[in-house]
Amino acid sequence: MTDFAQPMLAAPSRRGLMFVMSSPSGAGKTTLSRRLLEEDGDITLSVSATTRPPRPGETDGKDYYFVSADRFQDMVKGRELLEWATVFGNRYGTPRAPVESALIMGRDVLFDIDWQGTQQLQQTDAANDLVRIFILPPDLDELERRLRARATDPADVIDERMARARDEISHWGEYDYILINDDAETCLAELKAILKAERLRRKRQLGLAGFVRDMLGEGE
């Protein structure tokens, strides 16, 4: 009796996700984002458009898309941005096209945006792709200590950042996950665990229904 091997079934592909990380300045989000990008090759950083001038060492198209105020407004009117906001007098926004392209190809996109931008993403047709994480400092005293330890801002700017931090933290309830960054390595491990679990969600597995039907022989 001939033993016919069953053909291998094509595994489902995966749609990418939008991995949003928000936090008050000084909570360690930038360091965590950099580590995540370095250690996970399947996630890429969303590059924002901004009206602020480039700082020394920044490259257009890599760090930001540097645009004029008029061009930014045209992008808003033309629905070329998924979200936008004004921060400390400058406008920032996320170009729609590169994000949507990455999601279709199954690549995840990391967003470093505030609660306002996160709310706007939640209101788009890509809301099902959204995973929202808020990073908290251990306490406000530690947050202020970190800001002063940078030695890059005068006292009045630090006071402004602390006031803004209180407002940002008040929106913690709008996020899916809340992490307290009192140890960077632990917090990074938690971020990786969230990312891994979210990638495995049933709704992100394209073609899963057909895969199961073929497995059960229901597609014949």
N, C-alpha and C. Protein backbone atom coordinates (compact mmCIF):
# COMPACT_ATOMS: atom_id res chain seq x y z
N MET A 1 0.86 -1.19 0.00
CA MET A 1 0.00 0.00 0.00
C MET A 1 0.89 1.23 0.00
N THR A 2 0.64 2.12 -0.95
CA THR A 2 1.46 3.32 -1.07
C THR A 2 1.08 4.35 -0.02
N ASP A 3 2.09 4.90 0.64
CA ASP A 3 1.85 5.92 1.67
C ASP A 3 2.08 7.29 1.06
N PHE A 4 0.99 7.98 0.76
CA PHE A 4 1.10 9.30 0.16
C PHE A 4 1.29 10.34 1.26
N ALA A 5 2.37 11.12 1.16
CA ALA A 5 2.62 12.18 2.15
C ALA A 5 1.63 13.32 1.95
N GLN A 6 1.16 13.83 3.02
CA GLN A 6 0.26 14.97 2.95
C GLN A 6 1.05 16.22 2.56
N PRO A 7 0.54 17.05 1.64
CA PRO A 7 1.26 18.28 1.27
C PRO A 7 1.34 19.23 2.45
N MET A 8 2.45 19.96 2.50
CA MET A 8 2.61 20.97 3.54
C MET A 8 1.64 22.12 3.31
N LEU A 9 0.97 22.53 4.36
CA LEU A 9 0.05 23.66 4.25
C LEU A 9 0.82 24.97 4.36
N ALA A 10 0.41 25.93 3.58
CA ALA A 10 1.05 27.25 3.63
C ALA A 10 0.66 27.96 4.93
N ALA A 11 1.66 28.33 5.72
CA ALA A 11 1.39 29.00 6.99
C ALA A 11 0.82 30.38 6.75
N PRO A 12 -0.05 30.86 7.65
CA PRO A 12 -0.60 32.20 7.48
C PRO A 12 0.50 33.27 7.57
N SER A 13 0.30 34.33 6.85
CA SER A 13 1.20 35.47 6.98
C SER A 13 0.67 36.39 8.07
N ARG A 14 1.41 37.43 8.37
CA ARG A 14 1.00 38.31 9.47
C ARG A 14 0.98 39.76 9.02
N ARG A 15 -0.05 40.48 9.41
CA ARG A 15 -0.10 41.91 9.19
C ARG A 15 0.70 42.58 10.31
N GLY A 16 1.40 43.65 9.97
CA GLY A 16 2.18 44.36 10.98
C GLY A 16 1.29 45.09 11.97
N LEU A 17 1.90 45.60 13.03
CA LEU A 17 1.17 46.34 14.04
C LEU A 17 1.86 47.69 14.31
N MET A 18 1.11 48.60 14.88
CA MET A 18 1.63 49.91 15.26
C MET A 18 1.88 49.88 16.76
N PHE A 19 3.14 49.89 17.15
CA PHE A 19 3.57 49.74 18.53
C PHE A 19 3.88 51.12 19.10
N VAL A 20 2.93 51.68 19.83
CA VAL A 20 3.04 53.05 20.33
C VAL A 20 3.61 53.06 21.73
N MET A 21 4.65 53.86 21.92
CA MET A 21 5.22 54.07 23.26
C MET A 21 5.14 55.56 23.59
N SER A 22 4.48 55.86 24.69
CA SER A 22 4.37 57.24 25.16
C SER A 22 4.89 57.32 26.59
N SER A 23 5.38 58.50 26.95
CA SER A 23 5.84 58.71 28.33
C SER A 23 6.15 60.18 28.51
N PRO A 24 6.20 60.64 29.75
CA PRO A 24 6.73 61.99 29.98
C PRO A 24 8.23 62.01 29.71
N SER A 25 8.74 63.18 29.37
CA SER A 25 10.18 63.33 29.14
C SER A 25 10.95 62.93 30.39
N GLY A 26 11.97 62.08 30.21
CA GLY A 26 12.79 61.64 31.34
C GLY A 26 12.43 60.27 31.88
N ALA A 27 11.38 59.65 31.34
CA ALA A 27 10.95 58.34 31.84
C ALA A 27 11.74 57.19 31.23
N GLY A 28 12.61 57.48 30.26
CA GLY A 28 13.47 56.44 29.69
C GLY A 28 12.97 55.85 28.39
N LYS A 29 11.95 56.47 27.79
CA LYS A 29 11.37 55.91 26.57
C LYS A 29 12.37 55.87 25.41
N THR A 30 13.17 56.92 25.26
CA THR A 30 14.11 56.97 24.14
C THR A 30 15.12 55.83 24.20
N THR A 31 15.66 55.58 25.39
CA THR A 31 16.62 54.48 25.56
C THR A 31 15.96 53.14 25.29
N LEU A 32 14.75 52.95 25.79
CA LEU A 32 14.04 51.69 25.57
C LEU A 32 13.73 51.49 24.09
N SER A 33 13.32 52.54 23.41
CA SER A 33 13.01 52.45 21.98
C SER A 33 14.25 52.05 21.19
N ARG A 34 15.38 52.68 21.51
CA ARG A 34 16.62 52.38 20.80
C ARG A 34 17.03 50.93 21.00
N ARG A 35 16.92 50.45 22.24
CA ARG A 35 17.29 49.05 22.51
C ARG A 35 16.37 48.09 21.77
N LEU A 36 15.08 48.39 21.76
CA LEU A 36 14.12 47.51 21.08
C LEU A 36 14.42 47.44 19.58
N LEU A 37 14.73 48.58 18.98
CA LEU A 37 15.04 48.61 17.56
C LEU A 37 16.34 47.87 17.26
N GLU A 38 17.31 47.96 18.15
CA GLU A 38 18.59 47.28 17.96
C GLU A 38 18.46 45.76 18.07
N GLU A 39 17.56 45.31 18.93
CA GLU A 39 17.50 43.89 19.27
C GLU A 39 16.37 43.12 18.57
N ASP A 40 15.52 43.84 17.84
CA ASP A 40 14.42 43.18 17.13
C ASP A 40 14.42 43.68 15.69
N GLY A 41 14.77 42.80 14.76
CA GLY A 41 14.89 43.19 13.37
C GLY A 41 13.57 43.31 12.63
N ASP A 42 12.45 42.97 13.27
CA ASP A 42 11.15 43.00 12.60
C ASP A 42 10.34 44.24 12.92
N ILE A 43 10.94 45.19 13.61
CA ILE A 43 10.24 46.43 13.92
C ILE A 43 11.08 47.61 13.46
N THR A 44 10.42 48.60 12.91
CA THR A 44 11.11 49.77 12.39
C THR A 44 10.51 51.03 12.99
N LEU A 45 11.30 52.08 13.09
CA LEU A 45 10.85 53.32 13.71
C LEU A 45 10.09 54.17 12.70
N SER A 46 8.94 54.66 13.10
CA SER A 46 8.21 55.61 12.28
C SER A 46 8.96 56.94 12.27
N VAL A 47 9.21 57.47 11.08
CA VAL A 47 9.91 58.74 10.95
C VAL A 47 8.88 59.85 10.81
N SER A 48 8.92 60.80 11.72
CA SER A 48 7.94 61.88 11.74
C SER A 48 8.36 63.04 10.85
N ALA A 49 7.38 63.78 10.38
CA ALA A 49 7.63 65.06 9.73
C ALA A 49 7.58 66.15 10.80
N THR A 50 8.41 67.16 10.68
CA THR A 50 8.42 68.23 11.67
C THR A 50 8.78 69.56 11.03
N THR A 51 8.27 70.62 11.66
CA THR A 51 8.59 71.97 11.19
C THR A 51 9.81 72.54 11.91
N ARG A 52 10.32 71.84 12.92
CA ARG A 52 11.48 72.39 13.61
C ARG A 52 12.74 72.20 12.77
N PRO A 53 13.73 73.07 12.90
CA PRO A 53 14.96 72.92 12.12
C PRO A 53 15.77 71.72 12.60
N PRO A 54 16.56 71.13 11.72
CA PRO A 54 17.39 69.99 12.13
C PRO A 54 18.47 70.39 13.13
N ARG A 55 18.76 69.50 14.07
CA ARG A 55 19.84 69.71 15.02
C ARG A 55 21.12 69.13 14.45
N PRO A 56 22.26 69.52 14.98
CA PRO A 56 23.53 68.97 14.48
C PRO A 56 23.53 67.46 14.47
N GLY A 57 23.91 66.88 13.33
CA GLY A 57 23.98 65.44 13.20
C GLY A 57 22.72 64.77 12.71
N GLU A 58 21.61 65.48 12.67
CA GLU A 58 20.35 64.89 12.21
C GLU A 58 20.29 64.87 10.69
N THR A 59 19.69 63.82 10.14
CA THR A 59 19.61 63.64 8.70
C THR A 59 18.16 63.62 8.25
N ASP A 60 17.85 64.38 7.21
CA ASP A 60 16.50 64.41 6.67
C ASP A 60 16.14 63.04 6.11
N GLY A 61 14.96 62.54 6.48
CA GLY A 61 14.51 61.24 6.02
C GLY A 61 14.91 60.09 6.92
N LYS A 62 15.86 60.32 7.82
CA LYS A 62 16.29 59.30 8.77
C LYS A 62 15.82 59.65 10.17
N ASP A 63 16.16 60.83 10.63
CA ASP A 63 15.72 61.26 11.97
C ASP A 63 14.33 61.87 11.91
N TYR A 64 14.12 62.74 10.95
CA TYR A 64 12.83 63.38 10.69
C TYR A 64 12.75 63.73 9.21
N TYR A 65 11.53 64.00 8.76
CA TYR A 65 11.35 64.69 7.49
C TYR A 65 11.18 66.17 7.85
N PHE A 66 12.16 66.97 7.52
CA PHE A 66 12.11 68.38 7.88
C PHE A 66 11.38 69.14 6.78
N VAL A 67 10.25 69.75 7.15
CA VAL A 67 9.41 70.44 6.17
C VAL A 67 9.07 71.83 6.67
N SER A 68 8.65 72.68 5.74
CA SER A 68 8.23 74.03 6.10
C SER A 68 6.85 73.99 6.75
N ALA A 69 6.48 75.08 7.40
CA ALA A 69 5.15 75.16 8.02
C ALA A 69 4.06 75.04 6.96
N ASP A 70 4.28 75.65 5.79
CA ASP A 70 3.28 75.58 4.73
C ASP A 70 3.13 74.15 4.21
N ARG A 71 4.26 73.47 4.01
CA ARG A 71 4.19 72.09 3.53
C ARG A 71 3.51 71.19 4.56
N PHE A 72 3.79 71.41 5.83
CA PHE A 72 3.15 70.62 6.88
C PHE A 72 1.63 70.81 6.82
N GLN A 73 1.19 72.05 6.67
CA GLN A 73 -0.24 72.32 6.61
C GLN A 73 -0.87 71.66 5.40
N ASP A 74 -0.15 71.62 4.28
CA ASP A 74 -0.65 70.93 3.09
C ASP A 74 -0.81 69.44 3.37
N MET A 75 0.13 68.87 4.12
CA MET A 75 0.05 67.45 4.47
C MET A 75 -1.17 67.17 5.33
N VAL A 76 -1.47 68.08 6.25
CA VAL A 76 -2.65 67.93 7.09
C VAL A 76 -3.92 67.96 6.24
N LYS A 77 -4.00 68.97 5.37
CA LYS A 77 -5.20 69.13 4.53
C LYS A 77 -5.37 67.97 3.57
N GLY A 78 -4.25 67.42 3.07
CA GLY A 78 -4.32 66.32 2.12
C GLY A 78 -4.45 64.96 2.75
N ARG A 79 -4.64 64.89 4.06
CA ARG A 79 -4.76 63.62 4.79
C ARG A 79 -3.54 62.73 4.58
N GLU A 80 -2.38 63.37 4.47
CA GLU A 80 -1.13 62.63 4.30
C GLU A 80 -0.53 62.21 5.64
N LEU A 81 -1.13 62.66 6.75
CA LEU A 81 -0.61 62.36 8.09
C LEU A 81 -1.62 61.52 8.86
N LEU A 82 -1.12 60.50 9.57
CA LEU A 82 -1.99 59.70 10.44
C LEU A 82 -2.34 60.46 11.71
N GLU A 83 -1.39 61.25 12.20
CA GLU A 83 -1.59 62.04 13.41
C GLU A 83 -0.63 63.21 13.37
N TRP A 84 -0.96 64.25 14.13
CA TRP A 84 -0.06 65.41 14.24
C TRP A 84 -0.36 66.17 15.52
N ALA A 85 0.61 66.94 15.95
CA ALA A 85 0.47 67.71 17.18
C ALA A 85 1.50 68.84 17.19
N THR A 86 1.25 69.82 18.03
CA THR A 86 2.20 70.91 18.25
C THR A 86 2.84 70.72 19.62
N VAL A 87 4.17 70.64 19.64
CA VAL A 87 4.92 70.40 20.87
C VAL A 87 5.99 71.47 21.01
N PHE A 88 5.92 72.25 22.08
CA PHE A 88 6.88 73.31 22.34
C PHE A 88 7.07 74.21 21.11
N GLY A 89 5.95 74.55 20.47
CA GLY A 89 5.97 75.51 19.38
C GLY A 89 6.27 74.94 18.01
N ASN A 90 6.60 73.65 17.92
CA ASN A 90 6.88 73.01 16.63
C ASN A 90 5.82 71.95 16.33
N ARG A 91 5.58 71.72 15.05
CA ARG A 91 4.58 70.73 14.65
C ARG A 91 5.26 69.42 14.25
N TYR A 92 4.64 68.32 14.68
CA TYR A 92 5.14 66.99 14.39
C TYR A 92 3.98 66.14 13.87
N GLY A 93 4.27 65.25 12.93
CA GLY A 93 3.22 64.38 12.41
C GLY A 93 3.79 63.12 11.78
N THR A 94 2.94 62.10 11.63
CA THR A 94 3.35 60.81 11.08
C THR A 94 2.85 60.65 9.65
N PRO A 95 3.73 60.62 8.66
CA PRO A 95 3.30 60.38 7.28
C PRO A 95 2.59 59.04 7.15
N ARG A 96 1.47 59.04 6.45
CA ARG A 96 0.62 57.87 6.34
C ARG A 96 1.22 56.77 5.44
N ALA A 97 1.71 57.13 4.28
CA ALA A 97 2.09 56.15 3.25
C ALA A 97 3.13 55.13 3.72
N PRO A 98 4.27 55.54 4.31
CA PRO A 98 5.27 54.53 4.70
C PRO A 98 4.78 53.59 5.80
N VAL A 99 3.92 54.08 6.69
CA VAL A 99 3.38 53.22 7.75
C VAL A 99 2.46 52.16 7.16
N GLU A 100 1.54 52.59 6.30
CA GLU A 100 0.60 51.64 5.72
C GLU A 100 1.33 50.60 4.87
N SER A 101 2.38 51.01 4.18
CA SER A 101 3.17 50.08 3.38
C SER A 101 3.84 49.03 4.26
N ALA A 102 4.41 49.46 5.38
CA ALA A 102 5.08 48.53 6.30
C ALA A 102 4.10 47.52 6.88
N LEU A 103 2.92 47.97 7.27
CA LEU A 103 1.92 47.08 7.87
C LEU A 103 1.49 46.00 6.88
N ILE A 104 1.29 46.38 5.63
CA ILE A 104 0.88 45.43 4.61
C ILE A 104 1.95 44.36 4.41
N MET A 105 3.23 44.76 4.50
CA MET A 105 4.34 43.83 4.31
C MET A 105 4.62 43.00 5.56
N GLY A 106 3.86 43.20 6.62
CA GLY A 106 4.04 42.41 7.84
C GLY A 106 5.11 42.94 8.77
N ARG A 107 5.55 44.18 8.56
CA ARG A 107 6.54 44.78 9.43
C ARG A 107 5.84 45.64 10.49
N ASP A 108 6.38 45.60 11.70
CA ASP A 108 5.83 46.40 12.79
C ASP A 108 6.48 47.78 12.79
N VAL A 109 5.71 48.77 13.24
CA VAL A 109 6.18 50.15 13.24
C VAL A 109 6.12 50.69 14.66
N LEU A 110 7.24 51.21 15.14
CA LEU A 110 7.34 51.79 16.48
C LEU A 110 7.07 53.28 16.41
N PHE A 111 6.16 53.75 17.25
CA PHE A 111 5.80 55.16 17.32
C PHE A 111 6.26 55.75 18.64
N ASP A 112 6.95 56.87 18.56
CA ASP A 112 7.35 57.62 19.75
C ASP A 112 6.55 58.92 19.74
N ILE A 113 5.31 58.84 20.26
CA ILE A 113 4.39 59.98 20.20
C ILE A 113 3.71 60.17 21.54
N ASP A 114 3.06 61.32 21.72
CA ASP A 114 2.39 61.61 22.99
C ASP A 114 0.94 61.12 22.96
N TRP A 115 0.21 61.42 24.03
CA TRP A 115 -1.15 60.92 24.16
C TRP A 115 -2.08 61.50 23.09
N GLN A 116 -1.82 62.75 22.67
CA GLN A 116 -2.67 63.36 21.65
C GLN A 116 -2.53 62.62 20.33
N GLY A 117 -1.29 62.33 19.95
CA GLY A 117 -1.08 61.57 18.72
C GLY A 117 -1.67 60.18 18.81
N THR A 118 -1.56 59.56 19.99
CA THR A 118 -2.12 58.22 20.18
C THR A 118 -3.64 58.24 20.03
N GLN A 119 -4.28 59.27 20.56
CA GLN A 119 -5.73 59.40 20.41
C GLN A 119 -6.11 59.52 18.94
N GLN A 120 -5.33 60.28 18.19
CA GLN A 120 -5.64 60.43 16.77
C GLN A 120 -5.49 59.11 16.02
N LEU A 121 -4.46 58.34 16.34
CA LEU A 121 -4.30 57.03 15.71
C LEU A 121 -5.49 56.13 16.04
N GLN A 122 -5.98 56.23 17.25
CA GLN A 122 -7.11 55.41 17.68
C GLN A 122 -8.37 55.72 16.87
N GLN A 123 -8.43 56.91 16.31
CA GLN A 123 -9.61 57.34 15.56
C GLN A 123 -9.49 57.07 14.06
N THR A 124 -8.36 56.48 13.62
CA THR A 124 -8.18 56.20 12.20
C THR A 124 -8.68 54.80 11.88
N ASP A 125 -8.67 54.49 10.56
CA ASP A 125 -9.10 53.16 10.14
C ASP A 125 -8.05 52.09 10.43
N ALA A 126 -6.90 52.51 10.98
CA ALA A 126 -5.85 51.56 11.36
C ALA A 126 -5.87 51.26 12.85
N ALA A 127 -6.95 51.60 13.53
CA ALA A 127 -7.02 51.43 14.99
C ALA A 127 -6.83 49.97 15.41
N ASN A 128 -7.25 49.02 14.58
CA ASN A 128 -7.10 47.61 14.93
C ASN A 128 -5.65 47.17 14.94
N ASP A 129 -4.77 47.96 14.31
CA ASP A 129 -3.35 47.63 14.28
C ASP A 129 -2.60 48.21 15.47
N LEU A 130 -3.29 48.92 16.34
CA LEU A 130 -2.66 49.73 17.38
C LEU A 130 -2.44 48.95 18.68
N VAL A 131 -1.22 49.09 19.22
CA VAL A 131 -0.89 48.58 20.56
C VAL A 131 -0.31 49.76 21.33
N ARG A 132 -0.95 50.16 22.43
CA ARG A 132 -0.59 51.41 23.12
C ARG A 132 0.06 51.10 24.47
N ILE A 133 1.27 51.63 24.66
CA ILE A 133 2.02 51.39 25.89
C ILE A 133 2.43 52.73 26.49
N PHE A 134 2.20 52.89 27.78
CA PHE A 134 2.62 54.11 28.47
C PHE A 134 3.71 53.74 29.48
N ILE A 135 4.82 54.48 29.41
CA ILE A 135 5.96 54.24 30.31
C ILE A 135 5.92 55.26 31.44
N LEU A 136 5.85 54.78 32.66
CA LEU A 136 5.86 55.64 33.84
C LEU A 136 7.23 55.62 34.52
N PRO A 137 7.63 56.74 35.12
CA PRO A 137 8.81 56.73 35.98
C PRO A 137 8.42 56.12 37.33
N PRO A 138 9.39 55.75 38.16
CA PRO A 138 9.04 55.21 39.48
C PRO A 138 8.23 56.19 40.32
N ASP A 139 8.58 57.47 40.23
CA ASP A 139 7.82 58.53 40.91
C ASP A 139 8.25 59.86 40.31
N LEU A 140 7.56 60.93 40.68
CA LEU A 140 7.86 62.24 40.10
C LEU A 140 9.19 62.81 40.58
N ASP A 141 9.59 62.50 41.79
CA ASP A 141 10.89 62.96 42.28
C ASP A 141 12.02 62.39 41.43
N GLU A 142 11.91 61.10 41.10
CA GLU A 142 12.92 60.46 40.26
C GLU A 142 12.90 61.05 38.86
N LEU A 143 11.71 61.35 38.36
CA LEU A 143 11.61 61.96 37.03
C LEU A 143 12.32 63.31 37.01
N GLU A 144 12.09 64.13 38.02
CA GLU A 144 12.74 65.44 38.07
C GLU A 144 14.26 65.28 38.22
N ARG A 145 14.69 64.29 39.01
CA ARG A 145 16.13 64.06 39.17
C ARG A 145 16.77 63.71 37.82
N ARG A 146 16.11 62.87 37.06
CA ARG A 146 16.64 62.48 35.75
C ARG A 146 16.73 63.69 34.82
N LEU A 147 15.72 64.54 34.84
CA LEU A 147 15.73 65.72 33.96
C LEU A 147 16.87 66.66 34.34
N ARG A 148 17.08 66.84 35.64
CA ARG A 148 18.16 67.75 36.08
C ARG A 148 19.53 67.13 35.82
N ALA A 149 19.61 65.79 35.88
CA ALA A 149 20.89 65.12 35.66
C ALA A 149 21.36 65.26 34.22
N ARG A 150 20.46 65.51 33.30
CA ARG A 150 20.86 65.72 31.91
C ARG A 150 21.72 66.97 31.75
N ALA A 151 21.45 67.96 32.56
CA ALA A 151 22.18 69.23 32.52
C ALA A 151 22.11 69.88 31.13
N THR A 152 20.97 69.70 30.46
CA THR A 152 20.80 70.29 29.13
C THR A 152 19.75 71.39 29.10
N ASP A 153 18.94 71.49 30.16
CA ASP A 153 17.86 72.47 30.18
C ASP A 153 17.97 73.38 31.40
N PRO A 154 17.63 74.66 31.25
CA PRO A 154 17.59 75.56 32.41
C PRO A 154 16.43 75.20 33.33
N ALA A 155 16.44 75.76 34.52
CA ALA A 155 15.44 75.41 35.54
C ALA A 155 14.02 75.66 35.08
N ASP A 156 13.79 76.78 34.36
CA ASP A 156 12.42 77.08 33.95
C ASP A 156 11.90 76.07 32.93
N VAL A 157 12.78 75.54 32.08
CA VAL A 157 12.37 74.52 31.11
C VAL A 157 12.05 73.21 31.83
N ILE A 158 12.85 72.88 32.84
CA ILE A 158 12.57 71.67 33.61
C ILE A 158 11.23 71.79 34.32
N ASP A 159 10.94 72.96 34.87
CA ASP A 159 9.65 73.17 35.52
C ASP A 159 8.51 72.98 34.51
N GLU A 160 8.72 73.47 33.28
CA GLU A 160 7.71 73.32 32.24
C GLU A 160 7.53 71.85 31.88
N ARG A 161 8.64 71.13 31.80
CA ARG A 161 8.56 69.71 31.47
C ARG A 161 7.86 68.92 32.58
N MET A 162 8.09 69.29 33.82
CA MET A 162 7.43 68.60 34.94
C MET A 162 5.92 68.86 34.91
N ALA A 163 5.53 70.08 34.59
CA ALA A 163 4.10 70.40 34.50
C ALA A 163 3.46 69.61 33.37
N ARG A 164 4.16 69.52 32.24
CA ARG A 164 3.66 68.75 31.11
C ARG A 164 3.60 67.26 31.45
N ALA A 165 4.58 66.79 32.23
CA ALA A 165 4.60 65.38 32.63
C ALA A 165 3.35 65.01 33.42
N ARG A 166 2.95 65.87 34.34
CA ARG A 166 1.75 65.61 35.13
C ARG A 166 0.53 65.47 34.23
N ASP A 167 0.44 66.34 33.23
CA ASP A 167 -0.69 66.27 32.30
C ASP A 167 -0.65 64.99 31.49
N GLU A 168 0.54 64.62 31.00
CA GLU A 168 0.67 63.40 30.20
C GLU A 168 0.31 62.16 31.01
N ILE A 169 0.81 62.10 32.25
CA ILE A 169 0.55 60.94 33.10
C ILE A 169 -0.94 60.78 33.39
N SER A 170 -1.67 61.88 33.41
CA SER A 170 -3.11 61.82 33.69
C SER A 170 -3.87 61.04 32.62
N HIS A 171 -3.24 60.79 31.48
CA HIS A 171 -3.91 60.07 30.39
C HIS A 171 -3.53 58.58 30.36
N TRP A 172 -2.95 58.09 31.44
CA TRP A 172 -2.48 56.70 31.47
C TRP A 172 -3.59 55.70 31.16
N GLY A 173 -4.82 56.02 31.57
CA GLY A 173 -5.93 55.09 31.40
C GLY A 173 -6.35 54.87 29.96
N GLU A 174 -5.78 55.63 29.02
CA GLU A 174 -6.13 55.50 27.61
C GLU A 174 -5.23 54.48 26.89
N TYR A 175 -4.34 53.83 27.63
CA TYR A 175 -3.36 52.91 27.02
C TYR A 175 -3.69 51.47 27.36
N ASP A 176 -3.19 50.56 26.53
CA ASP A 176 -3.44 49.13 26.73
C ASP A 176 -2.54 48.53 27.81
N TYR A 177 -1.30 49.04 27.91
CA TYR A 177 -0.32 48.51 28.86
C TYR A 177 0.36 49.68 29.56
N ILE A 178 0.59 49.52 30.85
CA ILE A 178 1.31 50.52 31.64
C ILE A 178 2.54 49.84 32.24
N LEU A 179 3.73 50.38 31.93
CA LEU A 179 4.97 49.83 32.47
C LEU A 179 5.65 50.89 33.34
N ILE A 180 6.19 50.45 34.47
CA ILE A 180 6.92 51.35 35.37
C ILE A 180 8.41 51.10 35.15
N ASN A 181 9.10 52.12 34.68
CA ASN A 181 10.51 51.96 34.33
C ASN A 181 11.41 52.31 35.52
N ASP A 182 11.47 51.39 36.48
CA ASP A 182 12.40 51.58 37.59
C ASP A 182 13.67 50.76 37.37
N ASP A 183 13.64 49.86 36.35
CA ASP A 183 14.82 49.11 35.95
C ASP A 183 14.72 48.91 34.44
N ALA A 184 15.69 49.44 33.70
CA ALA A 184 15.61 49.46 32.24
C ALA A 184 15.57 48.05 31.65
N GLU A 185 16.37 47.13 32.18
CA GLU A 185 16.41 45.78 31.62
C GLU A 185 15.08 45.06 31.82
N THR A 186 14.49 45.22 33.00
CA THR A 186 13.20 44.59 33.26
C THR A 186 12.12 45.18 32.36
N CYS A 187 12.14 46.50 32.22
CA CYS A 187 11.15 47.17 31.39
C CYS A 187 11.29 46.75 29.93
N LEU A 188 12.53 46.62 29.46
CA LEU A 188 12.75 46.18 28.09
C LEU A 188 12.23 44.76 27.88
N ALA A 189 12.46 43.89 28.83
CA ALA A 189 11.97 42.52 28.73
C ALA A 189 10.44 42.49 28.67
N GLU A 190 9.81 43.36 29.43
CA GLU A 190 8.34 43.45 29.41
C GLU A 190 7.85 43.95 28.06
N LEU A 191 8.55 44.93 27.49
CA LEU A 191 8.18 45.42 26.15
C LEU A 191 8.26 44.31 25.12
N LYS A 192 9.33 43.53 25.18
CA LYS A 192 9.51 42.43 24.23
C LYS A 192 8.40 41.38 24.40
N ALA A 193 8.01 41.12 25.64
CA ALA A 193 6.95 40.14 25.89
C ALA A 193 5.62 40.61 25.31
N ILE A 194 5.33 41.90 25.47
CA ILE A 194 4.10 42.46 24.91
C ILE A 194 4.12 42.36 23.40
N LEU A 195 5.24 42.73 22.79
CA LEU A 195 5.36 42.69 21.34
C LEU A 195 5.18 41.28 20.80
N LYS A 196 5.80 40.31 21.47
CA LYS A 196 5.68 38.91 21.03
C LYS A 196 4.23 38.44 21.11
N ALA A 197 3.56 38.75 22.21
CA ALA A 197 2.17 38.31 22.39
C ALA A 197 1.25 38.97 21.37
N GLU A 198 1.45 40.26 21.13
CA GLU A 198 0.59 40.97 20.19
C GLU A 198 0.78 40.48 18.77
N ARG A 199 1.99 40.07 18.42
CA ARG A 199 2.23 39.52 17.09
C ARG A 199 1.47 38.21 16.87
N LEU A 200 1.17 37.49 17.95
CA LEU A 200 0.50 36.20 17.85
C LEU A 200 -1.02 36.30 17.93
N ARG A 201 -1.52 37.50 18.09
CA ARG A 201 -2.99 37.65 18.16
C ARG A 201 -3.65 37.09 16.90
N ARG A 202 -4.77 36.44 17.10
CA ARG A 202 -5.48 35.82 15.97
C ARG A 202 -5.82 36.83 14.87
N LYS A 203 -6.22 38.03 15.26
CA LYS A 203 -6.65 39.01 14.26
C LYS A 203 -5.53 39.47 13.34
N ARG A 204 -4.27 39.23 13.74
CA ARG A 204 -3.15 39.65 12.90
C ARG A 204 -2.69 38.54 11.94
N GLN A 205 -3.24 37.34 12.07
CA GLN A 205 -2.82 36.22 11.23
C GLN A 205 -3.66 36.19 9.97
N LEU A 206 -3.09 36.65 8.86
CA LEU A 206 -3.81 36.68 7.59
C LEU A 206 -3.88 35.27 6.99
N GLY A 207 -5.05 34.90 6.53
CA GLY A 207 -5.22 33.59 5.92
C GLY A 207 -5.37 32.45 6.91
N LEU A 208 -5.56 32.77 8.19
CA LEU A 208 -5.64 31.71 9.20
C LEU A 208 -6.88 30.84 9.01
N ALA A 209 -8.00 31.45 8.66
CA ALA A 209 -9.23 30.67 8.47
C ALA A 209 -9.05 29.66 7.34
N GLY A 210 -8.42 30.10 6.24
CA GLY A 210 -8.18 29.19 5.13
C GLY A 210 -7.20 28.08 5.50
N PHE A 211 -6.20 28.42 6.30
CA PHE A 211 -5.23 27.43 6.76
C PHE A 211 -5.92 26.32 7.56
N VAL A 212 -6.82 26.73 8.46
CA VAL A 212 -7.52 25.73 9.28
C VAL A 212 -8.47 24.91 8.42
N ARG A 213 -9.16 25.55 7.46
CA ARG A 213 -10.06 24.80 6.58
C ARG A 213 -9.29 23.75 5.78
N ASP A 214 -8.12 24.14 5.26
CA ASP A 214 -7.32 23.19 4.51
C ASP A 214 -6.82 22.05 5.40
N MET A 215 -6.48 22.38 6.63
CA MET A 215 -6.02 21.35 7.57
C MET A 215 -7.10 20.30 7.81
N LEU A 216 -8.34 20.78 7.89
CA LEU A 216 -9.47 19.89 8.19
C LEU A 216 -10.08 19.28 6.91
N GLY A 217 -9.51 19.67 5.76
CA GLY A 217 -10.02 19.13 4.49
C GLY A 217 -11.34 19.71 4.09
N GLU A 218 -11.71 20.86 4.65
CA GLU A 218 -13.00 21.47 4.35
C GLU A 218 -12.97 22.30 3.08
N GLY A 219 -11.74 22.57 2.58
CA GLY A 219 -11.65 23.40 1.38
C GLY A 219 -11.71 22.59 0.10
N GLU A 220 -11.80 21.28 0.23
CA GLU A 220 -11.80 20.41 -0.97
C GLU A 220 -13.20 20.25 -1.54
